[in-house]
Amino acid sequence: NNFVDEPKYANNIISGERALSLMDRQSLVIVVDTHRRIMVEFAEVLDNSKSIVLIDHHRRAEDFISNAILTYHEPYASSTCEMVTEILQYIQDNPKIGIKEAEALYAGIFLDTKGFTFKTGVRTFEAAAYLRRMGVDPVHVRRLFKSDLKDCIRLSKVISSAKVYRDNIAVVVCEDTGKDLQVLVAKA
């Protein structure tokens, strides 16, 4: 099930052009899961905002968005979803997010940790437990990532083209340009 299909989000998921037309001097732009301008889908909103908040867990790159008024950059976190969950858990007494939002956060943690097997720590499991208490069903989240045969073939092609460097680093050039490319690369 997709957020775009949800009635309460019908008018909230908008194009970059539409966002730009709605912005004023009071607008706050929140950038999550990247700190690189080149990775922002519609970077023009960054140019037109005086207030930018940045939340990211990736290692710092040279093209860091430097004009943020608040930066929460934690390279040791398993995922940005873990960080957002912590914000909800510790900053707000009664978070008002629904089950879909909680599942989306859990799915982000699940994906970035490769099913809770990579780069996890106490904070990761505390965030996951908190989301479980909010009603997340891990089995349902796992089903979101279930692949059909075409996806398995695409993933196999990416993985089979890997070249191993120094016995512990795999390098892949992904020539696939199909749908859900970021998910495919994350799985690979």
Protein backbone atom coordinates (compact mmCIF):
# COMPACT_ATOMS: atom_id res chain seq x y z
CA ASN A 1 0.00 0.00 0.00
CA ASN A 2 1.32 3.41 -0.99
CA PHE A 3 1.13 6.76 0.81
CA VAL A 4 0.04 8.38 -2.45
CA ASP A 5 -3.13 6.27 -2.31
CA GLU A 6 -3.97 7.45 1.21
CA PRO A 7 -6.71 10.10 1.29
CA LYS A 8 -5.03 12.07 4.09
CA TYR A 9 -1.89 12.39 1.96
CA ALA A 10 -3.66 13.04 -1.35
CA ASN A 11 -2.81 16.76 -1.34
CA ASN A 12 0.38 16.56 0.69
CA ILE A 13 2.67 14.70 -1.68
CA ILE A 14 3.46 17.38 -4.23
CA SER A 15 5.93 18.21 -6.96
CA GLY A 16 8.98 20.37 -6.40
CA GLU A 17 7.44 23.11 -8.52
CA ARG A 18 4.30 23.09 -6.38
CA ALA A 19 6.38 23.22 -3.19
CA LEU A 20 8.30 26.17 -4.57
CA SER A 21 5.07 28.01 -5.35
CA LEU A 22 3.79 27.46 -1.78
CA MET A 23 6.99 28.59 -0.04
CA ASP A 24 7.29 31.89 1.77
CA ARG A 25 9.76 33.46 4.22
CA GLN A 26 8.41 31.27 7.05
CA SER A 27 8.82 27.94 5.21
CA LEU A 28 10.88 25.22 6.84
CA VAL A 29 12.55 22.61 4.63
CA ILE A 30 13.49 19.33 6.30
CA VAL A 31 16.04 17.24 4.41
CA VAL A 32 16.28 13.61 5.53
CA ASP A 33 18.56 10.69 4.65
CA THR A 34 21.05 12.80 2.74
CA HIS A 35 23.24 15.78 3.44
CA ARG A 36 24.33 16.25 -0.17
CA ARG A 37 22.67 18.88 -2.31
CA ILE A 38 23.09 16.70 -5.40
CA MET A 39 20.91 14.01 -3.80
CA VAL A 40 17.98 16.32 -3.04
CA GLU A 41 15.23 15.67 -5.57
CA PHE A 42 14.33 19.33 -6.13
CA ALA A 43 17.26 21.37 -4.83
CA GLU A 44 15.64 24.69 -5.79
CA VAL A 45 13.68 24.54 -2.53
CA LEU A 46 17.00 24.76 -0.69
CA ASP A 47 17.84 27.98 -2.54
CA ASN A 48 14.50 29.51 -1.61
CA SER A 49 14.44 28.64 2.07
CA LYS A 50 16.06 30.50 4.94
CA SER A 51 15.26 27.62 7.30
CA ILE A 52 16.63 24.17 6.55
CA VAL A 53 16.83 21.26 8.98
CA LEU A 54 19.08 18.34 8.06
CA ILE A 55 18.73 14.80 9.48
CA ASP A 56 21.13 12.19 8.12
CA HIS A 57 23.22 9.16 9.02
CA HIS A 58 25.60 8.92 6.05
CA ARG A 59 29.29 9.72 6.34
CA ARG A 60 29.97 13.37 5.59
CA ALA A 61 30.80 14.23 1.99
CA GLU A 62 32.39 17.39 0.61
CA ASP A 63 29.13 18.78 -0.80
CA PHE A 64 27.47 18.98 2.63
CA ILE A 65 24.41 21.27 2.75
CA SER A 66 26.04 23.94 4.87
CA ASN A 67 23.28 26.50 5.31
CA ALA A 68 21.07 24.44 7.63
CA ILE A 69 19.86 26.15 10.80
CA LEU A 70 19.80 22.74 12.53
CA THR A 71 21.84 19.68 11.63
CA TYR A 72 21.36 16.27 13.24
CA HIS A 73 24.11 14.27 11.56
CA GLU A 74 24.92 10.93 13.19
CA PRO A 75 27.06 8.62 11.03
CA TYR A 76 26.98 5.94 13.74
CA ALA A 77 23.19 5.58 13.58
CA SER A 78 21.93 2.61 11.59
CA SER A 79 19.51 4.73 9.57
CA THR A 80 17.85 8.09 9.36
CA CYS A 81 14.60 6.33 10.30
CA GLU A 82 16.21 5.30 13.59
CA MET A 83 17.13 8.94 14.21
CA VAL A 84 13.62 10.20 13.39
CA THR A 85 12.14 7.53 15.65
CA GLU A 86 14.40 8.71 18.47
CA ILE A 87 13.23 12.27 17.91
CA LEU A 88 9.62 11.12 18.16
CA GLN A 89 10.34 8.97 21.17
CA TYR A 90 12.32 11.43 23.24
CA ILE A 91 11.12 14.85 22.15
CA GLN A 92 7.38 14.38 21.96
CA ASP A 93 5.28 12.94 24.80
CA ASN A 94 2.46 11.65 22.62
CA PRO A 95 3.57 11.26 19.03
CA LYS A 96 0.67 11.56 16.66
CA ILE A 97 1.76 9.24 13.90
CA GLY A 98 -0.35 6.45 12.51
CA ILE A 99 0.47 2.84 11.89
CA LYS A 100 1.47 3.51 8.27
CA GLU A 101 3.99 6.12 9.36
CA ALA A 102 5.34 3.82 12.07
CA GLU A 103 5.62 0.99 9.54
CA ALA A 104 7.46 3.28 7.12
CA LEU A 105 10.00 4.14 9.84
CA TYR A 106 10.39 0.47 10.77
CA ALA A 107 10.78 -0.45 7.08
CA GLY A 108 13.53 2.16 6.72
CA ILE A 109 15.41 0.72 9.68
CA PHE A 110 14.86 -2.81 8.37
CA LEU A 111 16.18 -1.89 4.90
CA ASP A 112 19.24 0.06 6.04
CA THR A 113 20.25 -2.66 8.51
CA LYS A 114 19.65 -5.48 6.04
CA GLY A 115 17.02 -7.05 8.27
CA PHE A 116 18.64 -6.01 11.56
CA THR A 117 21.92 -7.78 10.70
CA PHE A 118 24.19 -4.85 9.75
CA LYS A 119 25.25 -1.73 11.66
CA THR A 120 22.79 -2.32 14.50
CA GLY A 121 23.16 -1.36 18.11
CA VAL A 122 21.12 -0.84 21.23
CA ARG A 123 19.65 2.35 19.77
CA THR A 124 18.46 0.46 16.69
CA PHE A 125 16.60 -2.14 18.71
CA GLU A 126 15.18 0.46 21.10
CA ALA A 127 13.77 2.38 18.12
CA ALA A 128 12.35 -0.84 16.64
CA ALA A 129 10.80 -1.81 19.99
CA TYR A 130 9.23 1.62 20.29
CA LEU A 131 7.71 1.27 16.81
CA ARG A 132 6.46 -2.22 17.71
CA ARG A 133 4.71 -0.72 20.75
CA MET A 134 3.04 1.69 18.34
CA GLY A 135 1.54 -1.30 16.54
CA VAL A 136 4.03 -2.22 13.82
CA ASP A 137 3.81 -5.83 12.68
CA PRO A 138 7.31 -6.94 11.58
CA VAL A 139 5.88 -9.74 9.45
CA HIS A 140 3.80 -7.23 7.51
CA VAL A 141 6.87 -5.01 7.01
CA ARG A 142 8.90 -7.99 5.75
CA ARG A 143 6.16 -8.69 3.20
CA LEU A 144 6.67 -5.17 1.82
CA PHE A 145 10.12 -6.27 0.73
CA LYS A 146 9.07 -9.59 -0.75
CA SER A 147 10.39 -9.83 -4.28
CA ASP A 148 8.82 -11.32 -7.37
CA LEU A 149 10.86 -13.31 -9.90
CA LYS A 150 11.68 -10.24 -12.03
CA ASP A 151 13.07 -8.41 -8.98
CA CYS A 152 15.14 -11.46 -8.00
CA ILE A 153 16.63 -11.61 -11.50
CA ARG A 154 17.45 -7.88 -11.42
CA LEU A 155 19.08 -8.26 -8.01
CA SER A 156 21.05 -11.31 -9.15
CA LYS A 157 22.44 -9.40 -12.13
CA VAL A 158 23.67 -6.60 -9.91
CA ILE A 159 25.23 -8.94 -7.36
CA SER A 160 26.81 -11.22 -9.98
CA SER A 161 28.62 -8.27 -11.55
CA ALA A 162 30.41 -7.48 -8.28
CA LYS A 163 34.17 -7.37 -8.24
CA VAL A 164 35.84 -8.09 -4.91
CA TYR A 165 38.67 -5.82 -3.86
CA ARG A 166 41.08 -6.74 -1.03
CA ASP A 167 38.93 -9.70 0.04
CA ASN A 168 36.28 -7.61 1.83
CA ILE A 169 35.08 -4.80 -0.44
CA ALA A 170 32.61 -5.46 -3.24
CA VAL A 171 32.35 -2.91 -6.05
CA VAL A 172 29.45 -2.93 -8.48
CA VAL A 173 28.47 -0.72 -11.37
CA CYS A 174 24.69 -0.93 -11.58
CA GLU A 175 23.57 -0.56 -15.18
CA ASP A 176 19.91 -1.19 -14.36
CA THR A 177 17.75 1.91 -14.76
CA GLY A 178 14.40 0.31 -13.96
CA LYS A 179 11.83 1.19 -11.33
CA ASP A 180 12.70 1.28 -7.62
CA LEU A 181 16.40 1.60 -8.43
CA GLN A 182 17.35 2.87 -4.96
CA VAL A 183 15.64 -0.14 -3.34
CA LEU A 184 17.43 -2.50 -5.74
CA VAL A 185 20.81 -0.93 -4.94
CA ALA A 186 20.11 -1.01 -1.18
CA LYS A 187 19.21 -4.70 -1.36
CA ALA A 188 22.32 -5.49 -3.41
